[in-house]
Amino acid sequence: MPGFSFLQRFTKRIGIDLGTSTTLVHVQGRGVVVYESSVVAINRRNGQVMAVGEEARVMLGKTPPHIFVAKPLQRGIIADFEVAEKMLRYFFDKVHDESSFVIPRPKVIISVPLEVTEVERKAVGDAATSAGAREVFVVEEPVAAAIGAGLPISDPVGNMVVKIGGGTTEVAVIALNGIVTSKSIPVAGEELNRNIIHYARDVFNLLLGERVAEDIKLQIGSAADLAEPLQVSMRGRDLVTGLPRELLVNDGQVREAMARSVKFIVDHVKSILEVTPPELVADIYQRGIILTGGGALLRGLDEIIRQATGLPVRVAEDPVTAVVRGTGLLLDRPELERDVAFPATDRAMG
């Protein structure tokens, strides 16, 4: 139909990294246009969305009873369908804000975790469709991360990617556009925050909020010893007196708090290498391991993995956006998209 093909020229093609902690949106021809926390604030009295993204995240732990602050994704999976739909609709509207006329519903590629079930994949597709997408395809996060990091995943060589997000860490060896060996574990950025919360409670009798713990991790967190010691104020509620208290903590204490989780991640990287075909291991020995995701920015993590595996390890350029940039590259490479992306639901329309 002439009208349809005219409208299709203006159809947005959108790539989304739908993360537990952060959602990023890539629009074809424009790059990454949304980089927001995966948080929504809702007024319980009328069901209206009050804030989305960073504006909602700063409300965590500070709201009166009639305001509900939700994180609709847990471990990369939609845990609250209605809130996830509202969040996606908000991001779609934000993408279309600059348009002065009606825009056709967009085609969307969304990253999903490894080992996602058919029901979980369908929930992603249904949420995006309800939020305004015309058709929805999904791609596994490590594959998108590898593409975004510039790895030659179509070649007959082993590419090893470790994607450390908010809810999960995913380790995969990729060759010929497919995942050969992989593992997903529920230990990532948010678990490191919880480690700090538990350490403060057990060692200092201090109750921390989630945002405070995350800020401490970002400011002085590390996986390996630092050349220059760091310290930061830790503020919370004294569990003995019930009053506010502040104390100084150093990088060594925070490293001790996170040590078990860091070791868990490193052990799983090693376990994948142990079951990877030897020809691909030889490639990885030469090419190294690529770290992506926000967790890749933890100081010294690359060095710890290097020591444990004896392999070269490097952090991808701008590791936080690697997955969403990978979805964006798929939008520009239909032949690769056909190989690695698949419909989110059986109802995906052409």
C-alpha atoms as a PDB file:
ATOM      1  CA  MET A   1       0.000   0.000   0.000  1.00  0.00           C
ATOM      2  CA  PRO A   2       1.432   3.422  -0.957  1.00  0.00           C
ATOM      3  CA  GLY A   3       0.334   5.015   2.325  1.00  0.00           C
ATOM      4  CA  PHE A   4       1.963   2.267   4.360  1.00  0.00           C
ATOM      5  CA  SER A   5       5.288   2.464   2.512  1.00  0.00           C
ATOM      6  CA  PHE A   6       5.276   6.271   2.891  1.00  0.00           C
ATOM      7  CA  LEU A   7       4.730   5.952   6.648  1.00  0.00           C
ATOM      8  CA  GLN A   8       7.282   3.172   6.919  1.00  0.00           C
ATOM      9  CA  ARG A   9       9.966   5.615   5.741  1.00  0.00           C
ATOM     10  CA  PHE A  10       9.394   7.492   9.003  1.00  0.00           C
ATOM     11  CA  THR A  11       9.135   4.414  11.221  1.00  0.00           C
ATOM     12  CA  LYS A  12      11.616   4.478  14.059  1.00  0.00           C
ATOM     13  CA  ARG A  13      13.858   1.420  14.389  1.00  0.00           C
ATOM     14  CA  ILE A  14      14.819   1.131  18.015  1.00  0.00           C
ATOM     15  CA  GLY A  15      17.282  -1.023  19.964  1.00  0.00           C
ATOM     16  CA  ILE A  16      16.770  -1.427  23.714  1.00  0.00           C
ATOM     17  CA  ASP A  17      18.989  -2.730  26.507  1.00  0.00           C
ATOM     18  CA  LEU A  18      16.266  -3.493  29.045  1.00  0.00           C
ATOM     19  CA  GLY A  19      18.373  -3.877  32.172  1.00  0.00           C
ATOM     20  CA  THR A  20      17.654  -4.586  35.820  1.00  0.00           C
ATOM     21  CA  SER A  21      19.312  -1.327  36.880  1.00  0.00           C
ATOM     22  CA  THR A  22      19.436   0.759  33.703  1.00  0.00           C
ATOM     23  CA  THR A  23      17.542   0.951  30.415  1.00  0.00           C
ATOM     24  CA  LEU A  24      19.245   2.341  27.316  1.00  0.00           C
ATOM     25  CA  VAL A  25      17.557   3.100  24.002  1.00  0.00           C
ATOM     26  CA  HIS A  26      19.295   3.395  20.627  1.00  0.00           C
ATOM     27  CA  VAL A  27      17.474   4.996  17.694  1.00  0.00           C
ATOM     28  CA  GLN A  28      18.720   4.179  14.204  1.00  0.00           C
ATOM     29  CA  GLY A  29      20.546   7.162  12.772  1.00  0.00           C
ATOM     30  CA  ARG A  30      20.721   8.994  16.106  1.00  0.00           C
ATOM     31  CA  GLY A  31      22.594   6.697  18.482  1.00  0.00           C
ATOM     32  CA  VAL A  32      21.866   6.259  22.206  1.00  0.00           C
ATOM     33  CA  VAL A  33      19.086   8.709  23.109  1.00  0.00           C
ATOM     34  CA  VAL A  34      17.866   7.289  26.448  1.00  0.00           C
ATOM     35  CA  TYR A  35      20.116   6.295  29.359  1.00  0.00           C
ATOM     36  CA  GLU A  36      17.893   6.011  32.427  1.00  0.00           C
ATOM     37  CA  SER A  37      17.494   3.979  35.614  1.00  0.00           C
ATOM     38  CA  SER A  38      14.931   1.162  35.304  1.00  0.00           C
ATOM     39  CA  VAL A  39      12.752   2.677  38.025  1.00  0.00           C
ATOM     40  CA  VAL A  40       9.181   4.006  37.987  1.00  0.00           C
ATOM     41  CA  ALA A  41       7.369   6.078  40.649  1.00  0.00           C
ATOM     42  CA  ILE A  42       3.575   5.646  40.724  1.00  0.00           C
ATOM     43  CA  ASN A  43       0.891   7.484  42.691  1.00  0.00           C
ATOM     44  CA  ARG A  44      -1.194   4.743  44.355  1.00  0.00           C
ATOM     45  CA  ARG A  45      -4.209   7.067  44.664  1.00  0.00           C
ATOM     46  CA  ASN A  46      -4.802   7.507  40.943  1.00  0.00           C
ATOM     47  CA  GLY A  47      -2.406   5.018  39.308  1.00  0.00           C
ATOM     48  CA  GLN A  48      -0.573   7.803  37.472  1.00  0.00           C
ATOM     49  CA  VAL A  49       3.126   7.629  36.698  1.00  0.00           C
ATOM     50  CA  MET A  50       4.889  10.399  38.615  1.00  0.00           C
ATOM     51  CA  ALA A  51       8.451   9.844  37.426  1.00  0.00           C
ATOM     52  CA  VAL A  52      10.559   7.434  35.395  1.00  0.00           C
ATOM     53  CA  GLY A  53      14.292   6.805  35.302  1.00  0.00           C
ATOM     54  CA  GLU A  54      16.779   8.763  37.382  1.00  0.00           C
ATOM     55  CA  GLU A  55      14.053  11.112  38.609  1.00  0.00           C
ATOM     56  CA  ALA A  56      12.291   8.075  40.114  1.00  0.00           C
ATOM     57  CA  ARG A  57      15.502   6.455  41.397  1.00  0.00           C
ATOM     58  CA  VAL A  58      16.301   9.397  43.667  1.00  0.00           C
ATOM     59  CA  MET A  59      12.924   8.788  45.368  1.00  0.00           C
ATOM     60  CA  LEU A  60      13.908   5.257  46.500  1.00  0.00           C
ATOM     61  CA  GLY A  61      13.493   4.956  50.267  1.00  0.00           C
ATOM     62  CA  LYS A  62      12.169   8.503  50.589  1.00  0.00           C
ATOM     63  CA  THR A  63       8.490   8.300  49.605  1.00  0.00           C
ATOM     64  CA  PRO A  64       5.253   8.756  51.574  1.00  0.00           C
ATOM     65  CA  PRO A  65       2.895   5.739  51.605  1.00  0.00           C
ATOM     66  CA  HIS A  66       0.842   6.866  48.588  1.00  0.00           C
ATOM     67  CA  ILE A  67       3.895   6.880  46.272  1.00  0.00           C
ATOM     68  CA  PHE A  68       5.160   3.482  45.128  1.00  0.00           C
ATOM     69  CA  VAL A  69       8.642   3.279  43.605  1.00  0.00           C
ATOM     70  CA  ALA A  70       9.027   0.119  41.536  1.00  0.00           C
ATOM     71  CA  LYS A  71      11.878  -1.629  39.757  1.00  0.00           C
ATOM     72  CA  PRO A  72       9.946  -3.675  37.188  1.00  0.00           C
ATOM     73  CA  LEU A  73      12.874  -5.923  36.210  1.00  0.00           C
ATOM     74  CA  GLN A  74      14.549  -8.505  38.395  1.00  0.00           C
ATOM     75  CA  ARG A  75      17.644 -10.303  37.083  1.00  0.00           C
ATOM     76  CA  GLY A  76      16.879  -8.970  33.623  1.00  0.00           C
ATOM     77  CA  ILE A  77      13.375 -10.493  33.615  1.00  0.00           C
ATOM     78  CA  ILE A  78      10.105  -8.540  33.753  1.00  0.00           C
ATOM     79  CA  ALA A  79       8.767  -8.965  37.281  1.00  0.00           C
ATOM     80  CA  ASP A  80       5.972  -6.360  37.061  1.00  0.00           C
ATOM     81  CA  PHE A  81       4.377  -6.349  33.609  1.00  0.00           C
ATOM     82  CA  GLU A  82       2.183  -3.285  34.084  1.00  0.00           C
ATOM     83  CA  VAL A  83       5.000  -1.105  35.397  1.00  0.00           C
ATOM     84  CA  ALA A  84       7.406  -2.345  32.692  1.00  0.00           C
ATOM     85  CA  GLU A  85       4.843  -1.388  30.049  1.00  0.00           C
ATOM     86  CA  LYS A  86       4.452   2.100  31.546  1.00  0.00           C
ATOM     87  CA  MET A  87       8.228   2.537  31.606  1.00  0.00           C
ATOM     88  CA  LEU A  88       8.634   1.449  27.961  1.00  0.00           C
ATOM     89  CA  ARG A  89       5.766   3.696  26.864  1.00  0.00           C
ATOM     90  CA  TYR A  90       7.480   6.630  28.574  1.00  0.00           C
ATOM     91  CA  PHE A  91      10.754   5.894  26.738  1.00  0.00           C
ATOM     92  CA  PHE A  92       8.967   5.500  23.377  1.00  0.00           C
ATOM     93  CA  ASP A  93       7.229   8.838  23.928  1.00  0.00           C
ATOM     94  CA  LYS A  94      10.570  10.401  24.804  1.00  0.00           C
ATOM     95  CA  VAL A  95      12.086   9.099  21.551  1.00  0.00           C
ATOM     96  CA  HIS A  96       9.187  10.549  19.541  1.00  0.00           C
ATOM     97  CA  ASP A  97       9.070  13.904  21.338  1.00  0.00           C
ATOM     98  CA  GLU A  98      10.783  15.767  18.511  1.00  0.00           C
ATOM     99  CA  SER A  99       8.146  14.714  15.973  1.00  0.00           C
ATOM    100  CA  SER A 100       5.315  17.076  15.082  1.00  0.00           C
ATOM    101  CA  PHE A 101       3.150  14.457  13.373  1.00  0.00           C
ATOM    102  CA  VAL A 102       1.940  10.933  14.062  1.00  0.00           C
ATOM    103  CA  ILE A 103       4.769   8.408  13.780  1.00  0.00           C
ATOM    104  CA  PRO A 104       4.131   4.749  12.905  1.00  0.00           C
ATOM    105  CA  ARG A 105       4.694   2.218  15.656  1.00  0.00           C
ATOM    106  CA  PRO A 106       8.427   1.372  15.822  1.00  0.00           C
ATOM    107  CA  LYS A 107      10.253  -1.858  15.117  1.00  0.00           C
ATOM    108  CA  VAL A 108      12.148  -2.820  18.259  1.00  0.00           C
ATOM    109  CA  ILE A 109      15.055  -5.139  19.080  1.00  0.00           C
ATOM    110  CA  ILE A 110      15.380  -5.814  22.817  1.00  0.00           C
ATOM    111  CA  SER A 111      18.181  -7.649  24.600  1.00  0.00           C
ATOM    112  CA  VAL A 112      17.190 -10.515  26.910  1.00  0.00           C
ATOM    113  CA  PRO A 113      19.239 -12.585  29.364  1.00  0.00           C
ATOM    114  CA  LEU A 114      20.635 -16.010  28.579  1.00  0.00           C
ATOM    115  CA  GLU A 115      18.373 -18.937  29.422  1.00  0.00           C
ATOM    116  CA  VAL A 116      15.259 -16.759  29.141  1.00  0.00           C
ATOM    117  CA  THR A 117      12.121 -18.920  29.011  1.00  0.00           C
ATOM    118  CA  GLU A 118       9.498 -18.688  26.300  1.00  0.00           C
ATOM    119  CA  VAL A 119       7.068 -17.143  28.806  1.00  0.00           C
ATOM    120  CA  GLU A 120       9.623 -14.540  29.907  1.00  0.00           C
ATOM    121  CA  ARG A 121      10.507 -13.716  26.298  1.00  0.00           C
ATOM    122  CA  LYS A 122       6.815 -13.342  25.465  1.00  0.00           C
ATOM    123  CA  ALA A 123       6.374 -10.974  28.438  1.00  0.00           C
ATOM    124  CA  VAL A 124       9.080  -8.717  26.955  1.00  0.00           C
ATOM    125  CA  GLY A 125       7.360  -8.749  23.573  1.00  0.00           C
ATOM    126  CA  ASP A 126       3.892  -8.142  25.013  1.00  0.00           C
ATOM    127  CA  ALA A 127       5.097  -5.260  27.194  1.00  0.00           C
ATOM    128  CA  ALA A 128       6.844  -3.568  24.266  1.00  0.00           C
ATOM    129  CA  THR A 129       3.856  -4.134  21.947  1.00  0.00           C
ATOM    130  CA  SER A 130       1.443  -2.748  24.537  1.00  0.00           C
ATOM    131  CA  ALA A 131       3.753   0.243  24.968  1.00  0.00           C
ATOM    132  CA  GLY A 132       3.549   1.007  21.246  1.00  0.00           C
ATOM    133  CA  ALA A 133       5.934  -1.228  19.285  1.00  0.00           C
ATOM    134  CA  ARG A 134       4.833  -2.568  15.898  1.00  0.00           C
ATOM    135  CA  GLU A 135       7.059  -5.646  15.965  1.00  0.00           C
ATOM    136  CA  VAL A 136       9.482  -6.870  18.597  1.00  0.00           C
ATOM    137  CA  PHE A 137      12.558  -9.045  18.205  1.00  0.00           C
ATOM    138  CA  VAL A 138      14.914 -10.190  20.952  1.00  0.00           C
ATOM    139  CA  VAL A 139      18.645 -10.901  21.033  1.00  0.00           C
ATOM    140  CA  GLU A 140      20.630 -12.523  23.832  1.00  0.00           C
ATOM    141  CA  GLU A 141      22.594 -10.002  25.871  1.00  0.00           C
ATOM    142  CA  PRO A 142      26.081 -11.505  25.418  1.00  0.00           C
ATOM    143  CA  VAL A 143      25.577 -11.617  21.637  1.00  0.00           C
ATOM    144  CA  ALA A 144      24.476  -7.965  21.569  1.00  0.00           C
ATOM    145  CA  ALA A 145      27.387  -7.050  23.877  1.00  0.00           C
ATOM    146  CA  ALA A 146      29.875  -8.826  21.601  1.00  0.00           C
ATOM    147  CA  ILE A 147      28.525  -7.012  18.537  1.00  0.00           C
ATOM    148  CA  GLY A 148      28.620  -3.686  20.385  1.00  0.00           C
ATOM    149  CA  ALA A 149      32.214  -4.364  21.450  1.00  0.00           C
ATOM    150  CA  GLY A 150      33.189  -4.902  17.803  1.00  0.00           C
ATOM    151  CA  LEU A 151      33.925  -8.630  18.012  1.00  0.00           C
ATOM    152  CA  PRO A 152      33.801 -10.673  14.785  1.00  0.00           C
ATOM    153  CA  ILE A 153      31.086 -13.051  15.960  1.00  0.00           C
ATOM    154  CA  SER A 154      30.328 -14.248  12.413  1.00  0.00           C
ATOM    155  CA  ASP A 155      33.856 -15.636  11.961  1.00  0.00           C
ATOM    156  CA  PRO A 156      34.952 -19.187  12.882  1.00  0.00           C
ATOM    157  CA  VAL A 157      36.902 -17.918  15.913  1.00  0.00           C
ATOM    158  CA  GLY A 158      36.151 -17.963  19.623  1.00  0.00           C
ATOM    159  CA  ASN A 159      34.957 -14.689  21.175  1.00  0.00           C
ATOM    160  CA  MET A 160      34.556 -14.725  24.968  1.00  0.00           C
ATOM    161  CA  VAL A 161      32.329 -12.088  26.514  1.00  0.00           C
ATOM    162  CA  VAL A 162      31.596 -11.461  30.185  1.00  0.00           C
ATOM    163  CA  LYS A 163      28.608  -9.142  30.596  1.00  0.00           C
ATOM    164  CA  ILE A 164      28.164  -7.928  34.192  1.00  0.00           C
ATOM    165  CA  GLY A 165      24.898  -6.068  34.540  1.00  0.00           C
ATOM    166  CA  GLY A 166      22.728  -5.083  37.478  1.00  0.00           C
ATOM    167  CA  GLY A 167      20.929  -8.385  38.056  1.00  0.00           C
ATOM    168  CA  THR A 168      22.977 -11.029  36.262  1.00  0.00           C
ATOM    169  CA  THR A 169      26.465 -11.848  35.070  1.00  0.00           C
ATOM    170  CA  GLU A 170      26.499 -13.677  31.753  1.00  0.00           C
ATOM    171  CA  VAL A 171      29.528 -15.482  30.395  1.00  0.00           C
ATOM    172  CA  ALA A 172      29.483 -16.732  26.810  1.00  0.00           C
ATOM    173  CA  VAL A 173      31.777 -18.045  24.114  1.00  0.00           C
ATOM    174  CA  ILE A 174      30.473 -17.066  20.677  1.00  0.00           C
ATOM    175  CA  ALA A 175      31.462 -18.238  17.198  1.00  0.00           C
ATOM    176  CA  LEU A 176      29.711 -18.315  13.813  1.00  0.00           C
ATOM    177  CA  ASN A 177      26.845 -16.147  15.108  1.00  0.00           C
ATOM    178  CA  GLY A 178      25.971 -18.594  17.861  1.00  0.00           C
ATOM    179  CA  ILE A 179      26.656 -19.207  21.545  1.00  0.00           C
ATOM    180  CA  VAL A 180      28.824 -22.324  21.972  1.00  0.00           C
ATOM    181  CA  THR A 181      29.085 -22.380  25.774  1.00  0.00           C
ATOM    182  CA  SER A 182      27.503 -20.043  28.298  1.00  0.00           C
ATOM    183  CA  LYS A 183      26.464 -19.488  31.882  1.00  0.00           C
ATOM    184  CA  SER A 184      24.201 -16.958  33.598  1.00  0.00           C
ATOM    185  CA  ILE A 185      24.463 -16.309  37.332  1.00  0.00           C
ATOM    186  CA  PRO A 186      22.355 -14.047  39.582  1.00  0.00           C
ATOM    187  CA  VAL A 187      25.407 -12.241  40.982  1.00  0.00           C
ATOM    188  CA  ALA A 188      26.142  -8.801  39.545  1.00  0.00           C
ATOM    189  CA  GLY A 189      26.025  -5.095  40.400  1.00  0.00           C
ATOM    190  CA  GLU A 190      22.989  -5.157  42.696  1.00  0.00           C
ATOM    191  CA  GLU A 191      24.360  -8.149  44.620  1.00  0.00           C
ATOM    192  CA  LEU A 192      27.570  -6.179  45.243  1.00  0.00           C
ATOM    193  CA  ASN A 193      25.416  -3.375  46.683  1.00  0.00           C
ATOM    194  CA  ARG A 194      23.728  -5.892  48.996  1.00  0.00           C
ATOM    195  CA  ASN A 195      27.162  -7.181  50.053  1.00  0.00           C
ATOM    196  CA  ILE A 196      28.037  -3.677  51.259  1.00  0.00           C
ATOM    197  CA  ILE A 197      24.700  -3.340  53.087  1.00  0.00           C
ATOM    198  CA  HIS A 198      25.251  -6.671  54.891  1.00  0.00           C
ATOM    199  CA  TYR A 199      28.869  -5.800  55.745  1.00  0.00           C
ATOM    200  CA  ALA A 200      27.841  -2.450  57.255  1.00  0.00           C
ATOM    201  CA  ARG A 201      25.169  -4.173  59.340  1.00  0.00           C
ATOM    202  CA  ASP A 202      27.363  -7.061  60.523  1.00  0.00           C
ATOM    203  CA  VAL A 203      30.601  -5.155  61.146  1.00  0.00           C
ATOM    204  CA  PHE A 204      29.435  -1.650  62.106  1.00  0.00           C
ATOM    205  CA  ASN A 205      25.825  -2.193  63.282  1.00  0.00           C
ATOM    206  CA  LEU A 206      24.866   0.365  60.658  1.00  0.00           C
ATOM    207  CA  LEU A 207      21.791   0.125  58.453  1.00  0.00           C
ATOM    208  CA  LEU A 208      22.437   1.501  54.943  1.00  0.00           C
ATOM    209  CA  GLY A 209      20.052   2.366  52.157  1.00  0.00           C
ATOM    210  CA  GLU A 210      20.452   0.804  48.718  1.00  0.00           C
ATOM    211  CA  ARG A 211      21.451   4.076  47.052  1.00  0.00           C
ATOM    212  CA  VAL A 212      24.084   4.799  49.720  1.00  0.00           C
ATOM    213  CA  ALA A 213      25.606   1.343  49.233  1.00  0.00           C
ATOM    214  CA  GLU A 214      25.724   1.806  45.460  1.00  0.00           C
ATOM    215  CA  ASP A 215      27.386   5.214  45.795  1.00  0.00           C
ATOM    216  CA  ILE A 216      30.061   3.703  48.063  1.00  0.00           C
ATOM    217  CA  LYS A 217      30.693   0.930  45.519  1.00  0.00           C
ATOM    218  CA  LEU A 218      31.055   3.431  42.695  1.00  0.00           C
ATOM    219  CA  GLN A 219      33.325   5.750  44.659  1.00  0.00           C
ATOM    220  CA  ILE A 220      35.793   3.317  46.232  1.00  0.00           C
ATOM    221  CA  GLY A 221      34.776  -0.236  45.243  1.00  0.00           C
ATOM    222  CA  SER A 222      37.473  -2.492  43.788  1.00  0.00           C
ATOM    223  CA  ALA A 223      38.226  -6.149  43.117  1.00  0.00           C
ATOM    224  CA  ALA A 224      42.023  -5.841  43.487  1.00  0.00           C
ATOM    225  CA  ASP A 225      44.356  -3.818  45.703  1.00  0.00           C
ATOM    226  CA  LEU A 226      44.622  -0.169  44.685  1.00  0.00           C
ATOM    227  CA  ALA A 227      47.837   1.774  44.219  1.00  0.00           C
ATOM    228  CA  GLU A 228      46.319   4.747  46.059  1.00  0.00           C
ATOM    229  CA  PRO A 229      44.063   4.012  49.062  1.00  0.00           C
ATOM    230  CA  LEU A 230      40.549   5.461  48.932  1.00  0.00           C
ATOM    231  CA  GLN A 231      38.007   6.221  51.629  1.00  0.00           C
ATOM    232  CA  VAL A 232      34.512   7.615  51.811  1.00  0.00           C
ATOM    233  CA  SER A 233      31.865   8.476  54.391  1.00  0.00           C
ATOM    234  CA  MET A 234      29.273   5.814  55.161  1.00  0.00           C
ATOM    235  CA  ARG A 235      26.026   7.241  56.521  1.00  0.00           C
ATOM    236  CA  GLY A 236      23.116   5.272  57.916  1.00  0.00           C
ATOM    237  CA  ARG A 237      21.097   4.428  61.012  1.00  0.00           C
ATOM    238  CA  ASP A 238      22.810   2.971  64.073  1.00  0.00           C
ATOM    239  CA  LEU A 239      21.084  -0.335  64.851  1.00  0.00           C
ATOM    240  CA  VAL A 240      21.835   0.018  68.565  1.00  0.00           C
ATOM    241  CA  THR A 241      20.752   3.609  69.232  1.00  0.00           C
ATOM    242  CA  GLY A 242      18.396   4.054  66.294  1.00  0.00           C
ATOM    243  CA  LEU A 243      20.065   7.395  65.541  1.00  0.00           C
ATOM    244  CA  PRO A 244      21.908   8.571  62.411  1.00  0.00           C
ATOM    245  CA  ARG A 245      25.618   7.790  62.360  1.00  0.00           C
ATOM    246  CA  GLU A 246      28.489   8.431  59.982  1.00  0.00           C
ATOM    247  CA  LEU A 247      31.864   6.714  59.735  1.00  0.00           C
ATOM    248  CA  LEU A 248      34.753   6.476  57.287  1.00  0.00           C
ATOM    249  CA  VAL A 249      35.326   3.267  55.337  1.00  0.00           C
ATOM    250  CA  ASN A 250      38.259   2.457  53.075  1.00  0.00           C
ATOM    251  CA  ASP A 251      38.615   0.523  49.834  1.00  0.00           C
ATOM    252  CA  GLY A 252      39.991  -2.520  51.665  1.00  0.00           C
ATOM    253  CA  GLN A 253      36.829  -2.859  53.765  1.00  0.00           C
ATOM    254  CA  VAL A 254      34.554  -2.487  50.752  1.00  0.00           C
ATOM    255  CA  ARG A 255      36.686  -4.985  48.831  1.00  0.00           C
ATOM    256  CA  GLU A 256      36.330  -7.433  51.737  1.00  0.00           C
ATOM    257  CA  ALA A 257      32.555  -6.920  51.676  1.00  0.00           C
ATOM    258  CA  MET A 258      32.343  -7.825  47.973  1.00  0.00           C
ATOM    259  CA  ALA A 259      35.066 -10.491  47.886  1.00  0.00           C
ATOM    260  CA  ARG A 260      32.799 -13.554  47.910  1.00  0.00           C
ATOM    261  CA  SER A 261      30.649 -12.283  45.036  1.00  0.00           C
ATOM    262  CA  VAL A 262      33.686 -11.251  42.985  1.00  0.00           C
ATOM    263  CA  LYS A 263      35.180 -14.728  43.488  1.00  0.00           C
ATOM    264  CA  PHE A 264      31.857 -16.281  42.420  1.00  0.00           C
ATOM    265  CA  ILE A 265      31.970 -14.341  39.146  1.00  0.00           C
ATOM    266  CA  VAL A 266      35.616 -15.255  38.507  1.00  0.00           C
ATOM    267  CA  ASP A 267      34.962 -18.945  39.251  1.00  0.00           C
ATOM    268  CA  HIS A 268      32.170 -19.019  36.688  1.00  0.00           C
ATOM    269  CA  VAL A 269      34.394 -17.469  34.045  1.00  0.00           C
ATOM    270  CA  LYS A 270      36.856 -20.299  34.702  1.00  0.00           C
ATOM    271  CA  SER A 271      34.099 -22.933  34.620  1.00  0.00           C
ATOM    272  CA  ILE A 272      33.023 -21.840  31.120  1.00  0.00           C
ATOM    273  CA  LEU A 273      36.600 -22.065  29.868  1.00  0.00           C
ATOM    274  CA  GLU A 274      36.757 -25.628  31.220  1.00  0.00           C
ATOM    275  CA  VAL A 275      33.857 -26.759  28.999  1.00  0.00           C
ATOM    276  CA  THR A 276      34.759 -24.751  25.888  1.00  0.00           C
ATOM    277  CA  PRO A 277      36.080 -26.753  22.899  1.00  0.00           C
ATOM    278  CA  PRO A 278      39.897 -26.625  22.766  1.00  0.00           C
ATOM    279  CA  GLU A 279      40.020 -24.963  19.327  1.00  0.00           C
ATOM    280  CA  LEU A 280      37.980 -22.063  20.665  1.00  0.00           C
ATOM    281  CA  VAL A 281      40.042 -21.902  23.868  1.00  0.00           C
ATOM    282  CA  ALA A 282      43.112 -21.489  21.670  1.00  0.00           C
ATOM    283  CA  ASP A 283      41.420 -18.516  19.990  1.00  0.00           C
ATOM    284  CA  ILE A 284      40.507 -16.997  23.338  1.00  0.00           C
ATOM    285  CA  TYR A 285      44.065 -17.464  24.574  1.00  0.00           C
ATOM    286  CA  GLN A 286      45.208 -15.338  21.652  1.00  0.00           C
ATOM    287  CA  ARG A 287      42.316 -12.844  21.561  1.00  0.00           C
ATOM    288  CA  GLY A 288      41.492 -12.547  25.259  1.00  0.00           C
ATOM    289  CA  ILE A 289      38.310 -12.032  27.274  1.00  0.00           C
ATOM    290  CA  ILE A 290      36.145  -8.933  26.828  1.00  0.00           C
ATOM    291  CA  LEU A 291      34.317  -7.426  29.832  1.00  0.00           C
ATOM    292  CA  THR A 292      31.103  -5.457  29.223  1.00  0.00           C
ATOM    293  CA  GLY A 293      28.260  -4.054  31.312  1.00  0.00           C
ATOM    294  CA  GLY A 294      28.397  -1.604  34.194  1.00  0.00           C
ATOM    295  CA  GLY A 295      30.088  -4.160  36.463  1.00  0.00           C
ATOM    296  CA  ALA A 296      33.092  -4.195  34.125  1.00  0.00           C
ATOM    297  CA  LEU A 297      33.961  -0.762  35.532  1.00  0.00           C
ATOM    298  CA  LEU A 298      34.718  -2.214  38.986  1.00  0.00           C
ATOM    299  CA  ARG A 299      38.340  -1.285  39.598  1.00  0.00           C
ATOM    300  CA  GLY A 300      40.753  -4.178  39.168  1.00  0.00           C
ATOM    301  CA  LEU A 301      38.191  -6.749  38.041  1.00  0.00           C
ATOM    302  CA  ASP A 302      40.017  -7.269  34.753  1.00  0.00           C
ATOM    303  CA  GLU A 303      43.252  -7.881  36.659  1.00  0.00           C
ATOM    304  CA  ILE A 304      41.624 -10.434  39.001  1.00  0.00           C
ATOM    305  CA  ILE A 305      40.199 -12.392  36.042  1.00  0.00           C
ATOM    306  CA  ARG A 306      43.558 -12.168  34.253  1.00  0.00           C
ATOM    307  CA  GLN A 307      45.337 -13.656  37.288  1.00  0.00           C
ATOM    308  CA  ALA A 308      42.760 -16.431  37.659  1.00  0.00           C
ATOM    309  CA  THR A 309      42.685 -17.509  34.011  1.00  0.00           C
ATOM    310  CA  GLY A 310      46.126 -16.572  32.678  1.00  0.00           C
ATOM    311  CA  LEU A 311      44.386 -14.988  29.677  1.00  0.00           C
ATOM    312  CA  PRO A 312      44.438 -11.428  28.360  1.00  0.00           C
ATOM    313  CA  VAL A 313      41.438  -9.477  29.670  1.00  0.00           C
ATOM    314  CA  ARG A 314      40.243  -6.079  28.548  1.00  0.00           C
ATOM    315  CA  VAL A 315      37.286  -3.860  29.297  1.00  0.00           C
ATOM    316  CA  ALA A 316      35.247  -2.937  26.209  1.00  0.00           C
ATOM    317  CA  GLU A 317      35.178   0.689  25.186  1.00  0.00           C
ATOM    318  CA  ASP A 318      32.212   2.268  27.001  1.00  0.00           C
ATOM    319  CA  PRO A 319      31.152  -1.112  28.470  1.00  0.00           C
ATOM    320  CA  VAL A 320      27.826   0.203  29.821  1.00  0.00           C
ATOM    321  CA  THR A 321      26.491   0.901  26.320  1.00  0.00           C
ATOM    322  CA  ALA A 322      27.943  -2.188  24.592  1.00  0.00           C
ATOM    323  CA  VAL A 323      24.641  -4.111  24.585  1.00  0.00           C
ATOM    324  CA  VAL A 324      22.494  -1.247  23.311  1.00  0.00           C
ATOM    325  CA  ARG A 325      25.087  -0.338  20.685  1.00  0.00           C
ATOM    326  CA  GLY A 326      24.965  -3.984  19.590  1.00  0.00           C
ATOM    327  CA  THR A 327      21.185  -3.796  19.120  1.00  0.00           C
ATOM    328  CA  GLY A 328      21.724  -0.592  17.134  1.00  0.00           C
ATOM    329  CA  LEU A 329      24.248  -2.277  14.847  1.00  0.00           C
ATOM    330  CA  LEU A 330      21.771  -5.095  14.237  1.00  0.00           C
ATOM    331  CA  LEU A 331      19.266  -2.529  12.974  1.00  0.00           C
ATOM    332  CA  ASP A 332      21.841  -1.537  10.349  1.00  0.00           C
ATOM    333  CA  ARG A 333      22.798  -5.119   9.421  1.00  0.00           C
ATOM    334  CA  PRO A 334      19.649  -7.053   8.482  1.00  0.00           C
ATOM    335  CA  GLU A 335      21.606 -10.142   7.407  1.00  0.00           C
ATOM    336  CA  LEU A 336      23.181 -10.441  10.877  1.00  0.00           C
ATOM    337  CA  GLU A 337      19.876  -9.589  12.533  1.00  0.00           C
ATOM    338  CA  ARG A 338      18.250 -12.554  10.755  1.00  0.00           C
ATOM    339  CA  ASP A 339      20.937 -14.851  12.195  1.00  0.00           C
ATOM    340  CA  VAL A 340      20.951 -13.750  15.847  1.00  0.00           C
ATOM    341  CA  ALA A 341      17.576 -12.096  16.603  1.00  0.00           C
ATOM    342  CA  PHE A 342      14.214 -13.839  16.790  1.00  0.00           C
ATOM    343  CA  PRO A 343      10.585 -12.754  17.306  1.00  0.00           C
ATOM    344  CA  ALA A 344       9.630 -12.035  20.912  1.00  0.00           C
ATOM    345  CA  THR A 345       6.142 -13.459  20.368  1.00  0.00           C
ATOM    346  CA  ASP A 346       4.392 -15.535  17.773  1.00  0.00           C
ATOM    347  CA  ARG A 347       2.263 -12.500  17.068  1.00  0.00           C
ATOM    348  CA  ALA A 348       5.186 -10.352  15.826  1.00  0.00           C
ATOM    349  CA  MET A 349       3.862  -8.674  12.684  1.00  0.00           C
ATOM    350  CA  GLY A 350       5.753  -8.137   9.450  1.00  0.00           C
END
